[in-house]
Amino acid sequence: MSPSSISQSDHLSLVLVTIDSEANALALARQLVEAKLAACVNLNPVQSVYRWQGDLHTDTEWQLFIKTDLNYLEELAQFIQQHHPYDLPEIIAVPIVAGLAGYLSWVTEELGD
């Protein structure tokens, strides 16, 4: 299979996490990549509207797009909870159904031991 062809994925995932500041987003992203729980993390500012403990909030947050393997999801979630300032951080895994074969291979190679 050519690295430029499209390949199916049954184990890779995009994990979404929001956090309170750019500095915290960058720190968490670096920690996840250094720990080999993420191959890559993209950061974007977002505006969030949500209800928390009965109150309506509108906050600027940072969205982390974490490329990982679902086999590491439990460890990744525990790591995020330990290093995240929120009582209940958003941790949502979205399966990567398919992608560029070479990129998906790279993601897999960057993870784990």
C-alpha atoms as a PDB file:
ATOM      1  CA  MET A   1       0.000   0.000   0.000  1.00  0.00           C
ATOM      2  CA  SER A   2       1.304   3.409  -0.946  1.00  0.00           C
ATOM      3  CA  PRO A   3       1.799   5.942   1.896  1.00  0.00           C
ATOM      4  CA  SER A   4      -0.296   8.365  -0.181  1.00  0.00           C
ATOM      5  CA  SER A   5      -3.291   6.006  -0.424  1.00  0.00           C
ATOM      6  CA  ILE A   6      -6.286   6.097   1.883  1.00  0.00           C
ATOM      7  CA  SER A   7      -6.366   3.392   4.544  1.00  0.00           C
ATOM      8  CA  GLN A   8      -9.026   2.143   6.959  1.00  0.00           C
ATOM      9  CA  SER A   9      -8.388   2.524  10.688  1.00  0.00           C
ATOM     10  CA  ASP A  10      -9.974   0.415  13.392  1.00  0.00           C
ATOM     11  CA  HIS A  11      -7.949   1.584  16.386  1.00  0.00           C
ATOM     12  CA  LEU A  12      -6.920   5.219  15.921  1.00  0.00           C
ATOM     13  CA  SER A  13      -8.875   8.027  17.502  1.00  0.00           C
ATOM     14  CA  LEU A  14      -9.158  11.776  17.756  1.00  0.00           C
ATOM     15  CA  VAL A  15      -9.678  12.730  21.413  1.00  0.00           C
ATOM     16  CA  LEU A  16     -11.220  16.128  22.162  1.00  0.00           C
ATOM     17  CA  VAL A  17     -10.342  17.971  25.361  1.00  0.00           C
ATOM     18  CA  THR A  18     -11.020  21.583  26.359  1.00  0.00           C
ATOM     19  CA  ILE A  19      -8.922  23.510  28.856  1.00  0.00           C
ATOM     20  CA  ASP A  20      -8.912  27.002  30.356  1.00  0.00           C
ATOM     21  CA  SER A  21      -5.861  28.695  28.809  1.00  0.00           C
ATOM     22  CA  GLU A  22      -3.387  28.567  25.957  1.00  0.00           C
ATOM     23  CA  ALA A  23      -0.519  27.992  28.396  1.00  0.00           C
ATOM     24  CA  ASN A  24      -2.283  25.030  30.002  1.00  0.00           C
ATOM     25  CA  ALA A  25      -3.257  23.655  26.582  1.00  0.00           C
ATOM     26  CA  LEU A  26       0.322  23.813  25.345  1.00  0.00           C
ATOM     27  CA  ALA A  27       1.686  22.280  28.555  1.00  0.00           C
ATOM     28  CA  LEU A  28      -0.799  19.395  28.454  1.00  0.00           C
ATOM     29  CA  ALA A  29      -0.165  18.815  24.737  1.00  0.00           C
ATOM     30  CA  ARG A  30       3.597  18.627  25.291  1.00  0.00           C
ATOM     31  CA  GLN A  31       3.166  16.257  28.260  1.00  0.00           C
ATOM     32  CA  LEU A  32       0.937  13.923  26.220  1.00  0.00           C
ATOM     33  CA  VAL A  33       3.365  13.776  23.294  1.00  0.00           C
ATOM     34  CA  GLU A  34       6.369  13.333  25.604  1.00  0.00           C
ATOM     35  CA  ALA A  35       4.554  10.477  27.393  1.00  0.00           C
ATOM     36  CA  LYS A  36       3.831   8.888  23.963  1.00  0.00           C
ATOM     37  CA  LEU A  37       0.093   8.928  24.676  1.00  0.00           C
ATOM     38  CA  ALA A  38      -0.414  11.228  21.683  1.00  0.00           C
ATOM     39  CA  ALA A  39       1.359  11.365  18.355  1.00  0.00           C
ATOM     40  CA  CYS A  40       0.238  14.937  17.743  1.00  0.00           C
ATOM     41  CA  VAL A  41      -1.974  17.512  19.435  1.00  0.00           C
ATOM     42  CA  ASN A  42      -3.521  20.492  17.647  1.00  0.00           C
ATOM     43  CA  LEU A  43      -4.656  23.507  19.682  1.00  0.00           C
ATOM     44  CA  ASN A  44      -7.397  25.975  18.798  1.00  0.00           C
ATOM     45  CA  PRO A  45      -9.193  28.698  20.755  1.00  0.00           C
ATOM     46  CA  VAL A  46     -12.927  28.043  21.089  1.00  0.00           C
ATOM     47  CA  GLN A  47     -15.921  29.761  22.643  1.00  0.00           C
ATOM     48  CA  SER A  48     -17.870  27.366  24.887  1.00  0.00           C
ATOM     49  CA  VAL A  49     -21.442  27.770  26.129  1.00  0.00           C
ATOM     50  CA  TYR A  50     -22.495  25.251  28.769  1.00  0.00           C
ATOM     51  CA  ARG A  51     -24.371  24.757  32.010  1.00  0.00           C
ATOM     52  CA  TRP A  52     -22.244  23.819  35.035  1.00  0.00           C
ATOM     53  CA  GLN A  53     -23.656  23.303  38.530  1.00  0.00           C
ATOM     54  CA  GLY A  54     -26.881  25.038  37.559  1.00  0.00           C
ATOM     55  CA  ASP A  55     -25.272  28.165  36.066  1.00  0.00           C
ATOM     56  CA  LEU A  56     -24.992  29.077  32.395  1.00  0.00           C
ATOM     57  CA  HIS A  57     -21.397  29.842  31.354  1.00  0.00           C
ATOM     58  CA  THR A  58     -19.824  31.365  28.257  1.00  0.00           C
ATOM     59  CA  ASP A  59     -16.047  30.965  28.302  1.00  0.00           C
ATOM     60  CA  THR A  60     -13.092  31.144  25.994  1.00  0.00           C
ATOM     61  CA  GLU A  61     -11.288  27.816  26.177  1.00  0.00           C
ATOM     62  CA  TRP A  62      -8.668  25.936  24.188  1.00  0.00           C
ATOM     63  CA  GLN A  63      -9.608  22.777  22.296  1.00  0.00           C
ATOM     64  CA  LEU A  64      -7.024  20.008  22.079  1.00  0.00           C
ATOM     65  CA  PHE A  65      -7.317  17.605  19.136  1.00  0.00           C
ATOM     66  CA  ILE A  66      -5.304  14.577  20.288  1.00  0.00           C
ATOM     67  CA  LYS A  67      -4.320  11.884  17.780  1.00  0.00           C
ATOM     68  CA  THR A  68      -3.939   8.567  19.574  1.00  0.00           C
ATOM     69  CA  ASP A  69      -4.733   4.866  19.616  1.00  0.00           C
ATOM     70  CA  LEU A  70      -7.885   3.666  21.370  1.00  0.00           C
ATOM     71  CA  ASN A  71      -5.730   1.077  23.142  1.00  0.00           C
ATOM     72  CA  TYR A  72      -4.213   3.985  25.138  1.00  0.00           C
ATOM     73  CA  LEU A  73      -7.533   5.710  25.885  1.00  0.00           C
ATOM     74  CA  GLU A  74      -7.825   4.630  29.532  1.00  0.00           C
ATOM     75  CA  GLU A  75      -4.233   5.644  30.286  1.00  0.00           C
ATOM     76  CA  LEU A  76      -4.686   8.894  28.351  1.00  0.00           C
ATOM     77  CA  ALA A  77      -7.876   9.739  30.261  1.00  0.00           C
ATOM     78  CA  GLN A  78      -6.204   9.080  33.622  1.00  0.00           C
ATOM     79  CA  PHE A  79      -3.221  11.227  32.613  1.00  0.00           C
ATOM     80  CA  ILE A  80      -5.480  14.092  31.532  1.00  0.00           C
ATOM     81  CA  GLN A  81      -7.504  13.937  34.749  1.00  0.00           C
ATOM     82  CA  GLN A  82      -4.296  14.085  36.821  1.00  0.00           C
ATOM     83  CA  HIS A  83      -2.907  17.094  34.903  1.00  0.00           C
ATOM     84  CA  HIS A  84      -6.093  19.049  34.149  1.00  0.00           C
ATOM     85  CA  PRO A  85      -7.358  22.027  36.182  1.00  0.00           C
ATOM     86  CA  TYR A  86     -11.081  21.169  35.770  1.00  0.00           C
ATOM     87  CA  ASP A  87     -12.991  18.948  38.192  1.00  0.00           C
ATOM     88  CA  LEU A  88     -14.598  17.205  35.207  1.00  0.00           C
ATOM     89  CA  PRO A  89     -12.604  17.636  31.984  1.00  0.00           C
ATOM     90  CA  GLU A  90     -14.106  16.950  28.585  1.00  0.00           C
ATOM     91  CA  ILE A  91     -12.596  13.736  27.217  1.00  0.00           C
ATOM     92  CA  ILE A  92     -14.383  12.539  24.086  1.00  0.00           C
ATOM     93  CA  ALA A  93     -12.930   9.947  21.704  1.00  0.00           C
ATOM     94  CA  VAL A  94     -13.990  10.030  18.055  1.00  0.00           C
ATOM     95  CA  PRO A  95     -12.819   7.075  15.965  1.00  0.00           C
ATOM     96  CA  ILE A  96     -10.681   7.807  12.935  1.00  0.00           C
ATOM     97  CA  VAL A  97     -12.419   5.710  10.300  1.00  0.00           C
ATOM     98  CA  ALA A  98      -9.894   6.290   7.522  1.00  0.00           C
ATOM     99  CA  GLY A  99      -7.035   8.558   6.549  1.00  0.00           C
ATOM    100  CA  LEU A 100      -3.858   8.913   4.565  1.00  0.00           C
ATOM    101  CA  ALA A 101      -2.014   5.600   5.024  1.00  0.00           C
ATOM    102  CA  GLY A 102       1.375   7.175   5.660  1.00  0.00           C
ATOM    103  CA  TYR A 103      -0.040   9.566   8.258  1.00  0.00           C
ATOM    104  CA  LEU A 104      -1.923   6.811  10.083  1.00  0.00           C
ATOM    105  CA  SER A 105       1.251   4.709  10.153  1.00  0.00           C
ATOM    106  CA  TRP A 106       3.190   7.652  11.570  1.00  0.00           C
ATOM    107  CA  VAL A 107       0.589   8.135  14.337  1.00  0.00           C
ATOM    108  CA  THR A 108       0.884   4.475  15.299  1.00  0.00           C
ATOM    109  CA  GLU A 109       4.704   4.577  15.293  1.00  0.00           C
ATOM    110  CA  GLU A 110       4.800   7.622  17.621  1.00  0.00           C
ATOM    111  CA  LEU A 111       2.735   5.988  20.373  1.00  0.00           C
ATOM    112  CA  GLY A 112       3.592   3.635  23.224  1.00  0.00           C
ATOM    113  CA  ASP A 113       6.867   2.249  24.416  1.00  0.00           C
END
